[in-house]
């Protein structure tokens, strides 16, 4: 993972842990890892394995995709850049569908 993504993942793990009312120690115990490892993940200095992310998701009693749902931490500039990437990679049919979705959301 890139450094920025590791930090976003760390923020997300911390956010989810706090929402569940868990300490780092409790999450570590449930995920069969150490509190220091959880701390490093939350700070974005650790590069967790896929197996560790599965354990974290299970310990938090969430779906795996929820760990990667950190779009709300993106800046407006980041969102615009991401949208431009989507647009650049889409064919005409997908662009037409995207316009319909945007229209329905923005009305």
PDB file of N, CA and C in Angstrom:
ATOM      1  N   UNK A   1       0.836  -1.175   0.000  1.00  0.00           N
ATOM      2  CA  UNK A   1       0.000   0.000   0.000  1.00  0.00           C
ATOM      3  C   UNK A   1       0.882   1.240   0.000  1.00  0.00           C
ATOM      4  N   UNK A   2       0.428   2.269  -0.699  1.00  0.00           N
ATOM      5  CA  UNK A   2       1.118   3.550  -0.666  1.00  0.00           C
ATOM      6  C   UNK A   2       0.950   4.160   0.716  1.00  0.00           C
ATOM      7  N   UNK A   3       1.839   5.070   1.060  1.00  0.00           N
ATOM      8  CA  UNK A   3       1.820   5.699   2.375  1.00  0.00           C
ATOM      9  C   UNK A   3       0.490   6.370   2.669  1.00  0.00           C
ATOM     10  N   UNK A   4      -0.046   7.135   1.712  1.00  0.00           N
ATOM     11  CA  UNK A   4      -1.310   7.815   1.929  1.00  0.00           C
ATOM     12  C   UNK A   4      -2.441   6.822   2.168  1.00  0.00           C
ATOM     13  N   UNK A   5      -2.461   5.746   1.400  1.00  0.00           N
ATOM     14  CA  UNK A   5      -3.493   4.731   1.565  1.00  0.00           C
ATOM     15  C   UNK A   5      -3.348   4.022   2.911  1.00  0.00           C
ATOM     16  N   UNK A   6      -2.110   3.810   3.350  1.00  0.00           N
ATOM     17  CA  UNK A   6      -1.908   3.184   4.658  1.00  0.00           C
ATOM     18  C   UNK A   6      -2.447   4.088   5.766  1.00  0.00           C
ATOM     19  N   UNK A   7      -2.244   5.387   5.617  1.00  0.00           N
ATOM     20  CA  UNK A   7      -2.774   6.320   6.615  1.00  0.00           C
ATOM     21  C   UNK A   7      -4.298   6.331   6.597  1.00  0.00           C
ATOM     22  N   UNK A   8      -4.888   6.327   5.398  1.00  0.00           N
ATOM     23  CA  UNK A   8      -6.340   6.283   5.298  1.00  0.00           C
ATOM     24  C   UNK A   8      -6.886   4.997   5.915  1.00  0.00           C
ATOM     25  N   UNK A   9      -6.208   3.882   5.636  1.00  0.00           N
ATOM     26  CA  UNK A   9      -6.628   2.609   6.220  1.00  0.00           C
ATOM     27  C   UNK A   9      -6.520   2.674   7.743  1.00  0.00           C
ATOM     28  N   UNK A  10      -5.442   3.256   8.219  1.00  0.00           N
ATOM     29  CA  UNK A  10      -5.256   3.391   9.666  1.00  0.00           C
ATOM     30  C   UNK A  10      -6.344   4.221  10.310  1.00  0.00           C
ATOM     31  N   UNK A  11      -6.672   5.364   9.684  1.00  0.00           N
ATOM     32  CA  UNK A  11      -7.763   6.200  10.200  1.00  0.00           C
ATOM     33  C   UNK A  11      -9.067   5.414  10.231  1.00  0.00           C
ATOM     34  N   UNK A  12      -9.284   4.636   9.185  1.00  0.00           N
ATOM     35  CA  UNK A  12     -10.540   3.881   9.080  1.00  0.00           C
ATOM     36  C   UNK A  12     -10.619   2.803  10.153  1.00  0.00           C
ATOM     37  N   UNK A  13      -9.544   2.079  10.375  1.00  0.00           N
ATOM     38  CA  UNK A  13      -9.533   1.051  11.418  1.00  0.00           C
ATOM     39  C   UNK A  13      -9.796   1.697  12.778  1.00  0.00           C
ATOM     40  N   UNK A  14      -9.129   2.801  13.043  1.00  0.00           N
ATOM     41  CA  UNK A  14      -9.315   3.507  14.315  1.00  0.00           C
ATOM     42  C   UNK A  14     -10.762   3.974  14.468  1.00  0.00           C
ATOM     43  N   UNK A  15     -11.314   4.533  13.407  1.00  0.00           N
ATOM     44  CA  UNK A  15     -12.694   5.010  13.423  1.00  0.00           C
ATOM     45  C   UNK A  15     -13.671   3.864  13.710  1.00  0.00           C
ATOM     46  N   UNK A  16     -13.499   2.752  13.011  1.00  0.00           N
ATOM     47  CA  UNK A  16     -14.382   1.596  13.209  1.00  0.00           C
ATOM     48  C   UNK A  16     -14.217   1.006  14.605  1.00  0.00           C
ATOM     49  N   UNK A  17     -12.976   0.935  15.077  1.00  0.00           N
ATOM     50  CA  UNK A  17     -12.718   0.405  16.422  1.00  0.00           C
ATOM     51  C   UNK A  17     -13.425   1.250  17.468  1.00  0.00           C
ATOM     52  N   UNK A  18     -13.302   2.557  17.335  1.00  0.00           N
ATOM     53  CA  UNK A  18     -13.934   3.467  18.304  1.00  0.00           C
ATOM     54  C   UNK A  18     -15.453   3.375  18.233  1.00  0.00           C
ATOM     55  N   UNK A  19     -16.002   3.243  17.022  1.00  0.00           N
ATOM     56  CA  UNK A  19     -17.459   3.093  16.876  1.00  0.00           C
ATOM     57  C   UNK A  19     -17.970   1.846  17.585  1.00  0.00           C
ATOM     58  N   UNK A  20     -17.134   0.830  17.631  1.00  0.00           N
ATOM     59  CA  UNK A  20     -17.503  -0.419  18.309  1.00  0.00           C
ATOM     60  C   UNK A  20     -17.211  -0.353  19.805  1.00  0.00           C
ATOM     61  N   UNK A  21     -16.605   0.745  20.254  1.00  0.00           N
ATOM     62  CA  UNK A  21     -16.303   0.901  21.672  1.00  0.00           C
ATOM     63  C   UNK A  21     -15.164   0.017  22.150  1.00  0.00           C
ATOM     64  N   UNK A  22     -14.249  -0.298  21.262  1.00  0.00           N
ATOM     65  CA  UNK A  22     -13.134  -1.179  21.607  1.00  0.00           C
ATOM     66  C   UNK A  22     -11.852  -0.391  21.815  1.00  0.00           C
ATOM     67  N   UNK A  23     -11.029  -0.861  22.729  1.00  0.00           N
ATOM     68  CA  UNK A  23      -9.681  -0.326  22.881  1.00  0.00           C
ATOM     69  C   UNK A  23      -8.782  -1.032  21.873  1.00  0.00           C
ATOM     70  N   UNK A  24      -7.590  -0.504  21.694  1.00  0.00           N
ATOM     71  CA  UNK A  24      -6.630  -1.179  20.814  1.00  0.00           C
ATOM     72  C   UNK A  24      -6.328  -2.573  21.346  1.00  0.00           C
ATOM     73  N   UNK A  25      -6.247  -2.690  22.645  1.00  0.00           N
ATOM     74  CA  UNK A  25      -5.954  -3.991  23.264  1.00  0.00           C
ATOM     75  C   UNK A  25      -7.055  -5.000  22.982  1.00  0.00           C
ATOM     76  N   UNK A  26      -8.318  -4.543  23.078  1.00  0.00           N
ATOM     77  CA  UNK A  26      -9.448  -5.446  22.821  1.00  0.00           C
ATOM     78  C   UNK A  26      -9.487  -5.866  21.353  1.00  0.00           C
ATOM     79  N   UNK A  27      -9.243  -4.914  20.461  1.00  0.00           N
ATOM     80  CA  UNK A  27      -9.216  -5.265  19.042  1.00  0.00           C
ATOM     81  C   UNK A  27      -8.077  -6.237  18.758  1.00  0.00           C
ATOM     82  N   UNK A  28      -6.917  -5.973  19.326  1.00  0.00           N
ATOM     83  CA  UNK A  28      -5.767  -6.857  19.118  1.00  0.00           C
ATOM     84  C   UNK A  28      -6.075  -8.274  19.590  1.00  0.00           C
ATOM     85  N   UNK A  29      -6.714  -8.380  20.748  1.00  0.00           N
ATOM     86  CA  UNK A  29      -7.042  -9.707  21.282  1.00  0.00           C
ATOM     87  C   UNK A  29      -8.012 -10.432  20.357  1.00  0.00           C
ATOM     88  N   UNK A  30      -9.039  -9.726  19.913  1.00  0.00           N
ATOM     89  CA  UNK A  30     -10.028 -10.338  19.012  1.00  0.00           C
ATOM     90  C   UNK A  30      -9.416 -10.732  17.674  1.00  0.00           C
ATOM     91  N   UNK A  31      -8.447  -9.940  17.194  1.00  0.00           N
ATOM     92  CA  UNK A  31      -7.823 -10.189  15.894  1.00  0.00           C
ATOM     93  C   UNK A  31      -6.576 -11.059  16.005  1.00  0.00           C
ATOM     94  N   UNK A  32      -6.291 -11.533  17.197  1.00  0.00           N
ATOM     95  CA  UNK A  32      -5.135 -12.406  17.444  1.00  0.00           C
ATOM     96  C   UNK A  32      -3.835 -11.762  16.980  1.00  0.00           C
ATOM     97  N   UNK A  33      -3.648 -10.517  17.396  1.00  0.00           N
ATOM     98  CA  UNK A  33      -2.416  -9.792  17.092  1.00  0.00           C
ATOM     99  C   UNK A  33      -2.036  -8.977  18.322  1.00  0.00           C
ATOM    100  N   UNK A  34      -1.008  -8.165  18.212  1.00  0.00           N
ATOM    101  CA  UNK A  34      -0.558  -7.396  19.377  1.00  0.00           C
ATOM    102  C   UNK A  34      -1.122  -5.978  19.348  1.00  0.00           C
ATOM    103  N   UNK A  35      -1.301  -5.381  20.518  1.00  0.00           N
ATOM    104  CA  UNK A  35      -1.745  -3.982  20.570  1.00  0.00           C
ATOM    105  C   UNK A  35      -0.772  -3.045  19.849  1.00  0.00           C
ATOM    106  N   UNK A  36       0.517  -3.326  19.903  1.00  0.00           N
ATOM    107  CA  UNK A  36       1.498  -2.493  19.205  1.00  0.00           C
ATOM    108  C   UNK A  36       1.282  -2.548  17.697  1.00  0.00           C
ATOM    109  N   UNK A  37       0.950  -3.716  17.189  1.00  0.00           N
ATOM    110  CA  UNK A  37       0.689  -3.868  15.752  1.00  0.00           C
ATOM    111  C   UNK A  37      -0.548  -3.061  15.356  1.00  0.00           C
ATOM    112  N   UNK A  38      -1.596  -3.136  16.176  1.00  0.00           N
ATOM    113  CA  UNK A  38      -2.816  -2.363  15.912  1.00  0.00           C
ATOM    114  C   UNK A  38      -2.486  -0.874  15.924  1.00  0.00           C
ATOM    115  N   UNK A  39      -1.707  -0.455  16.883  1.00  0.00           N
ATOM    116  CA  UNK A  39      -1.305   0.952  16.975  1.00  0.00           C
ATOM    117  C   UNK A  39      -0.559   1.398  15.718  1.00  0.00           C
ATOM    118  N   UNK A  40       0.362   0.574  15.248  1.00  0.00           N
ATOM    119  CA  UNK A  40       1.127   0.914  14.046  1.00  0.00           C
ATOM    120  C   UNK A  40       0.230   0.957  12.810  1.00  0.00           C
ATOM    121  N   UNK A  41      -0.744   0.040  12.741  1.00  0.00           N
ATOM    122  CA  UNK A  41      -1.689   0.066  11.617  1.00  0.00           C
ATOM    123  C   UNK A  41      -2.493   1.363  11.642  1.00  0.00           C
ATOM    124  N   UNK A  42      -2.975   1.727  12.826  1.00  0.00           N
ATOM    125  CA  UNK A  42      -3.800   2.925  12.950  1.00  0.00           C
ATOM    126  C   UNK A  42      -3.017   4.196  12.624  1.00  0.00           C
ATOM    127  N   UNK A  43      -1.724   4.187  12.862  1.00  0.00           N
ATOM    128  CA  UNK A  43      -0.885   5.344  12.527  1.00  0.00           C
ATOM    129  C   UNK A  43      -0.457   5.334  11.061  1.00  0.00           C
ATOM    130  N   UNK A  44      -0.720   4.234  10.360  1.00  0.00           N
ATOM    131  CA  UNK A  44      -0.354   4.134   8.951  1.00  0.00           C
ATOM    132  C   UNK A  44       1.099   3.789   8.725  1.00  0.00           C
ATOM    133  N   UNK A  45       1.769   3.247   9.750  1.00  0.00           N
ATOM    134  CA  UNK A  45       3.179   2.886   9.599  1.00  0.00           C
ATOM    135  C   UNK A  45       3.384   1.399   9.379  1.00  0.00           C
ATOM    136  N   UNK A  46       2.316   0.635   9.467  1.00  0.00           N
ATOM    137  CA  UNK A  46       2.396  -0.818   9.278  1.00  0.00           C
ATOM    138  C   UNK A  46       1.720  -1.174   7.968  1.00  0.00           C
ATOM    139  N   UNK A  47       2.231  -2.195   7.306  1.00  0.00           N
ATOM    140  CA  UNK A  47       1.659  -2.672   6.057  1.00  0.00           C
ATOM    141  C   UNK A  47       0.986  -4.021   6.332  1.00  0.00           C
ATOM    142  N   UNK A  48      -0.293  -4.003   6.742  1.00  0.00           N
ATOM    143  CA  UNK A  48      -0.950  -5.255   7.131  1.00  0.00           C
ATOM    144  C   UNK A  48      -1.124  -6.212   5.965  1.00  0.00           C
ATOM    145  N   UNK A  49      -1.025  -7.485   6.265  1.00  0.00           N
ATOM    146  CA  UNK A  49      -1.257  -8.516   5.249  1.00  0.00           C
ATOM    147  C   UNK A  49      -2.760  -8.662   5.016  1.00  0.00           C
ATOM    148  N   UNK A  50      -3.104  -9.333   3.946  1.00  0.00           N
ATOM    149  CA  UNK A  50      -4.514  -9.604   3.659  1.00  0.00           C
ATOM    150  C   UNK A  50      -5.134 -10.421   4.793  1.00  0.00           C
ATOM    151  N   UNK A  51      -4.386 -11.406   5.294  1.00  0.00           N
ATOM    152  CA  UNK A  51      -4.885 -12.223   6.401  1.00  0.00           C
ATOM    153  C   UNK A  51      -5.176 -11.374   7.632  1.00  0.00           C
ATOM    154  N   UNK A  52      -4.302 -10.408   7.905  1.00  0.00           N
ATOM    155  CA  UNK A  52      -4.518  -9.527   9.050  1.00  0.00           C
ATOM    156  C   UNK A  52      -5.766  -8.677   8.843  1.00  0.00           C
ATOM    157  N   UNK A  53      -5.961  -8.172   7.631  1.00  0.00           N
ATOM    158  CA  UNK A  53      -7.153  -7.369   7.362  1.00  0.00           C
ATOM    159  C   UNK A  53      -8.425  -8.191   7.525  1.00  0.00           C
ATOM    160  N   UNK A  54      -8.379  -9.459   7.145  1.00  0.00           N
ATOM    161  CA  UNK A  54      -9.527 -10.354   7.355  1.00  0.00           C
ATOM    162  C   UNK A  54      -9.797 -10.492   8.851  1.00  0.00           C
ATOM    163  N   UNK A  55      -8.748 -10.695   9.622  1.00  0.00           N
ATOM    164  CA  UNK A  55      -8.907 -10.826  11.080  1.00  0.00           C
ATOM    165  C   UNK A  55      -9.452  -9.545  11.701  1.00  0.00           C
ATOM    166  N   UNK A  56      -8.971  -8.405  11.230  1.00  0.00           N
ATOM    167  CA  UNK A  56      -9.452  -7.115  11.746  1.00  0.00           C
ATOM    168  C   UNK A  56     -10.945  -6.947  11.429  1.00  0.00           C
ATOM    169  N   UNK A  57     -11.335  -7.234  10.190  1.00  0.00           N
ATOM    170  CA  UNK A  57     -12.743  -7.127   9.798  1.00  0.00           C
ATOM    171  C   UNK A  57     -13.611  -8.053  10.646  1.00  0.00           C
ATOM    172  N   UNK A  58     -13.157  -9.283  10.839  1.00  0.00           N
ATOM    173  CA  UNK A  58     -13.913 -10.227  11.656  1.00  0.00           C
ATOM    174  C   UNK A  58     -13.996  -9.758  13.107  1.00  0.00           C
ATOM    175  N   UNK A  59     -12.891  -9.242  13.623  1.00  0.00           N
ATOM    176  CA  UNK A  59     -12.865  -8.757  15.006  1.00  0.00           C
ATOM    177  C   UNK A  59     -13.813  -7.573  15.197  1.00  0.00           C
ATOM    178  N   UNK A  60     -13.945  -6.758  14.165  1.00  0.00           N
ATOM    179  CA  UNK A  60     -14.839  -5.603  14.233  1.00  0.00           C
ATOM    180  C   UNK A  60     -16.276  -5.956  13.845  1.00  0.00           C
ATOM    181  N   UNK A  61     -16.475  -7.197  13.413  1.00  0.00           N
ATOM    182  CA  UNK A  61     -17.778  -7.689  12.983  1.00  0.00           C
ATOM    183  C   UNK A  61     -18.343  -6.833  11.853  1.00  0.00           C
ATOM    184  N   UNK A  62     -17.488  -6.620  10.839  1.00  0.00           N
ATOM    185  CA  UNK A  62     -17.877  -5.840   9.666  1.00  0.00           C
ATOM    186  C   UNK A  62     -17.523  -6.629   8.411  1.00  0.00           C
ATOM    187  N   UNK A  63     -18.062  -6.179   7.288  1.00  0.00           N
ATOM    188  CA  UNK A  63     -17.688  -6.751   6.002  1.00  0.00           C
ATOM    189  C   UNK A  63     -16.317  -6.201   5.615  1.00  0.00           C
ATOM    190  N   UNK A  64     -15.549  -6.981   4.891  1.00  0.00           N
ATOM    191  CA  UNK A  64     -14.194  -6.587   4.508  1.00  0.00           C
ATOM    192  C   UNK A  64     -14.161  -5.245   3.771  1.00  0.00           C
ATOM    193  N   UNK A  65     -15.120  -5.001   2.882  1.00  0.00           N
ATOM    194  CA  UNK A  65     -15.118  -3.775   2.091  1.00  0.00           C
ATOM    195  C   UNK A  65     -15.204  -2.535   2.968  1.00  0.00           C
ATOM    196  N   UNK A  66     -15.784  -2.665   4.160  1.00  0.00           N
ATOM    197  CA  UNK A  66     -15.937  -1.501   5.035  1.00  0.00           C
ATOM    198  C   UNK A  66     -14.593  -0.940   5.498  1.00  0.00           C
ATOM    199  N   UNK A  67     -13.571  -1.785   5.528  1.00  0.00           N
ATOM    200  CA  UNK A  67     -12.238  -1.294   5.872  1.00  0.00           C
ATOM    201  C   UNK A  67     -11.714  -0.321   4.821  1.00  0.00           C
ATOM    202  N   UNK A  68     -12.170  -0.484   3.592  1.00  0.00           N
ATOM    203  CA  UNK A  68     -11.678   0.331   2.484  1.00  0.00           C
ATOM    204  C   UNK A  68     -12.616   1.490   2.136  1.00  0.00           C
ATOM    205  N   UNK A  69     -13.627   1.691   2.938  1.00  0.00           N
ATOM    206  CA  UNK A  69     -14.596   2.751   2.688  1.00  0.00           C
ATOM    207  C   UNK A  69     -14.148   4.030   3.392  1.00  0.00           C
ATOM    208  N   UNK A  70     -13.100   4.654   2.823  1.00  0.00           N
ATOM    209  CA  UNK A  70     -12.600   5.880   3.435  1.00  0.00           C
ATOM    210  C   UNK A  70     -12.696   7.073   2.507  1.00  0.00           C
ATOM    211  N   UNK A  71     -13.678   7.055   1.634  1.00  0.00           N
ATOM    212  CA  UNK A  71     -13.891   8.167   0.725  1.00  0.00           C
ATOM    213  C   UNK A  71     -14.237   9.466   1.426  1.00  0.00           C
ATOM    214  N   UNK A  72     -14.858   9.375   2.588  1.00  0.00           N
ATOM    215  CA  UNK A  72     -15.215  10.581   3.326  1.00  0.00           C
ATOM    216  C   UNK A  72     -13.993  11.322   3.856  1.00  0.00           C
ATOM    217  N   UNK A  73     -12.829  10.689   3.824  1.00  0.00           N
ATOM    218  CA  UNK A  73     -11.583  11.328   4.262  1.00  0.00           C
ATOM    219  C   UNK A  73     -10.862  12.020   3.104  1.00  0.00           C
ATOM    220  N   UNK A  74     -11.428  11.917   1.916  1.00  0.00           N
ATOM    221  CA  UNK A  74     -10.786  12.508   0.745  1.00  0.00           C
ATOM    222  C   UNK A  74     -11.102  13.996   0.674  1.00  0.00           C
ATOM    223  N   UNK A  75     -10.167  14.763   0.150  1.00  0.00           N
ATOM    224  CA  UNK A  75     -10.405  16.183  -0.085  1.00  0.00           C
ATOM    225  C   UNK A  75     -11.230  16.339  -1.350  1.00  0.00           C
ATOM    226  N   UNK A  76     -11.763  17.538  -1.547  1.00  0.00           N
ATOM    227  CA  UNK A  76     -12.526  17.807  -2.769  1.00  0.00           C
ATOM    228  C   UNK A  76     -11.645  17.588  -3.990  1.00  0.00           C
ATOM    229  N   UNK A  77     -10.396  18.001  -3.899  1.00  0.00           N
ATOM    230  CA  UNK A  77      -9.461  17.797  -5.014  1.00  0.00           C
ATOM    231  C   UNK A  77      -9.279  16.307  -5.304  1.00  0.00           C
ATOM    232  N   UNK A  78      -9.115  15.489  -4.245  1.00  0.00           N
ATOM    233  CA  UNK A  78      -8.970  14.044  -4.422  1.00  0.00           C
ATOM    234  C   UNK A  78     -10.197  13.449  -5.096  1.00  0.00           C
ATOM    235  N   UNK A  79     -11.364  13.917  -4.686  1.00  0.00           N
ATOM    236  CA  UNK A  79     -12.612  13.403  -5.264  1.00  0.00           C
ATOM    237  C   UNK A  79     -12.693  13.753  -6.748  1.00  0.00           C
ATOM    238  N   UNK A  80     -12.344  14.990  -7.081  1.00  0.00           N
ATOM    239  CA  UNK A  80     -12.381  15.412  -8.493  1.00  0.00           C
ATOM    240  C   UNK A  80     -11.397  14.593  -9.332  1.00  0.00           C
ATOM    241  N   UNK A  81     -10.198  14.358  -8.799  1.00  0.00           N
ATOM    242  CA  UNK A  81      -9.208  13.560  -9.523  1.00  0.00           C
ATOM    243  C   UNK A  81      -9.700  12.140  -9.738  1.00  0.00           C
ATOM    244  N   UNK A  82     -10.314  11.567  -8.719  1.00  0.00           N
ATOM    245  CA  UNK A  82     -10.850  10.217  -8.840  1.00  0.00           C
ATOM    246  C   UNK A  82     -11.976  10.166  -9.870  1.00  0.00           C
ATOM    247  N   UNK A  83     -12.852  11.153  -9.832  1.00  0.00           N
ATOM    248  CA  UNK A  83     -13.946  11.202 -10.803  1.00  0.00           C
ATOM    249  C   UNK A  83     -13.396  11.317 -12.226  1.00  0.00           C
ATOM    250  N   UNK A  84     -12.358  12.129 -12.400  1.00  0.00           N
ATOM    251  CA  UNK A  84     -11.740  12.264 -13.722  1.00  0.00           C
ATOM    252  C   UNK A  84     -11.156  10.939 -14.203  1.00  0.00           C
ATOM    253  N   UNK A  85     -10.568  10.170 -13.291  1.00  0.00           N
ATOM    254  CA  UNK A  85     -10.039   8.850 -13.666  1.00  0.00           C
ATOM    255  C   UNK A  85     -11.166   7.932 -14.121  1.00  0.00           C
ATOM    256  N   UNK A  86     -12.295   7.982 -13.412  1.00  0.00           N
ATOM    257  CA  UNK A  86     -13.438   7.163 -13.804  1.00  0.00           C
ATOM    258  C   UNK A  86     -13.917   7.555 -15.200  1.00  0.00           C
ATOM    259  N   UNK A  87     -14.047   8.849 -15.425  1.00  0.00           N
ATOM    260  CA  UNK A  87     -14.527   9.352 -16.708  1.00  0.00           C
ATOM    261  C   UNK A  87     -13.569   8.976 -17.829  1.00  0.00           C
ATOM    262  N   UNK A  88     -12.289   9.157 -17.602  1.00  0.00           N
ATOM    263  CA  UNK A  88     -11.290   8.842 -18.628  1.00  0.00           C
ATOM    264  C   UNK A  88     -11.303   7.367 -19.016  1.00  0.00           C
ATOM    265  N   UNK A  89     -11.653   6.492 -18.078  1.00  0.00           N
ATOM    266  CA  UNK A  89     -11.621   5.065 -18.357  1.00  0.00           C
ATOM    267  C   UNK A  89     -12.940   4.470 -18.803  1.00  0.00           C
ATOM    268  N   UNK A  90     -13.979   5.295 -18.890  1.00  0.00           N
ATOM    269  CA  UNK A  90     -15.312   4.773 -19.194  1.00  0.00           C
ATOM    270  C   UNK A  90     -15.642   4.883 -20.675  1.00  0.00           C
ATOM    271  N   UNK A  91     -16.401   3.901 -21.151  1.00  0.00           N
ATOM    272  CA  UNK A  91     -16.885   3.979 -22.533  1.00  0.00           C
ATOM    273  C   UNK A  91     -18.178   4.810 -22.563  1.00  0.00           C
ATOM    274  N   UNK A  92     -18.705   5.030 -23.749  1.00  0.00           N
ATOM    275  CA  UNK A  92     -19.873   5.899 -23.909  1.00  0.00           C
ATOM    276  C   UNK A  92     -21.080   5.398 -23.117  1.00  0.00           C
ATOM    277  N   UNK A  93     -21.315   4.113 -23.141  1.00  0.00           N
ATOM    278  CA  UNK A  93     -22.472   3.546 -22.435  1.00  0.00           C
ATOM    279  C   UNK A  93     -22.378   3.808 -20.928  1.00  0.00           C
ATOM    280  N   UNK A  94     -21.204   3.605 -20.376  1.00  0.00           N
ATOM    281  CA  UNK A  94     -21.026   3.836 -18.940  1.00  0.00           C
ATOM    282  C   UNK A  94     -21.117   5.312 -18.590  1.00  0.00           C
ATOM    283  N   UNK A  95     -20.624   6.163 -19.479  1.00  0.00           N
ATOM    284  CA  UNK A  95     -20.735   7.606 -19.238  1.00  0.00           C
ATOM    285  C   UNK A  95     -22.189   8.061 -19.239  1.00  0.00           C
ATOM    286  N   UNK A  96     -22.977   7.527 -20.162  1.00  0.00           N
ATOM    287  CA  UNK A  96     -24.406   7.879 -20.207  1.00  0.00           C
ATOM    288  C   UNK A  96     -25.106   7.431 -18.917  1.00  0.00           C
ATOM    289  N   UNK A  97     -24.780   6.261 -18.452  1.00  0.00           N
ATOM    290  CA  UNK A  97     -25.368   5.766 -17.206  1.00  0.00           C
ATOM    291  C   UNK A  97     -24.920   6.638 -16.027  1.00  0.00           C
ATOM    292  N   UNK A  98     -23.654   7.022 -16.006  1.00  0.00           N
ATOM    293  CA  UNK A  98     -23.139   7.871 -14.935  1.00  0.00           C
ATOM    294  C   UNK A  98     -23.857   9.221 -14.903  1.00  0.00           C
ATOM    295  N   UNK A  99     -24.121   9.787 -16.067  1.00  0.00           N
ATOM    296  CA  UNK A  99     -24.841  11.064 -16.144  1.00  0.00           C
ATOM    297  C   UNK A  99     -26.238  10.911 -15.547  1.00  0.00           C
ATOM    298  N   UNK A 100     -26.913   9.805 -15.853  1.00  0.00           N
ATOM    299  CA  UNK A 100     -28.249   9.562 -15.293  1.00  0.00           C
ATOM    300  C   UNK A 100     -28.191   9.466 -13.768  1.00  0.00           C
ATOM    301  N   UNK A 101     -27.185   8.766 -13.265  1.00  0.00           N
ATOM    302  CA  UNK A 101     -27.037   8.617 -11.813  1.00  0.00           C
ATOM    303  C   UNK A 101     -26.774   9.975 -11.172  1.00  0.00           C
ATOM    304  N   UNK A 102     -25.860  10.750 -11.753  1.00  0.00           N
ATOM    305  CA  UNK A 102     -25.550  12.078 -11.211  1.00  0.00           C
ATOM    306  C   UNK A 102     -26.778  12.973 -11.223  1.00  0.00           C
ATOM    307  N   UNK A 103     -27.512  12.951 -12.308  1.00  0.00           N
ATOM    308  CA  UNK A 103     -28.722  13.782 -12.393  1.00  0.00           C
ATOM    309  C   UNK A 103     -29.705  13.420 -11.277  1.00  0.00           C
ATOM    310  N   UNK A 104     -29.880  12.128 -11.062  1.00  0.00           N
ATOM    311  CA  UNK A 104     -30.837  11.719 -10.033  1.00  0.00           C
ATOM    312  C   UNK A 104     -30.364  12.083  -8.621  1.00  0.00           C
ATOM    313  N   UNK A 105     -29.061  12.066  -8.409  1.00  0.00           N
ATOM    314  CA  UNK A 105     -28.516  12.420  -7.091  1.00  0.00           C
ATOM    315  C   UNK A 105     -28.584  13.929  -6.864  1.00  0.00           C
ATOM    316  N   UNK A 106     -28.266  14.709  -7.886  1.00  0.00           N
ATOM    317  CA  UNK A 106     -28.124  16.148  -7.735  1.00  0.00           C
ATOM    318  C   UNK A 106     -29.432  16.927  -7.890  1.00  0.00           C
ATOM    319  N   UNK A 107     -30.506  16.259  -8.153  1.00  0.00           N
ATOM    320  CA  UNK A 107     -31.806  16.963  -8.292  1.00  0.00           C
ATOM    321  C   UNK A 107     -32.329  17.356  -6.961  1.00  0.00           C
TER     322      UNK A 107
END
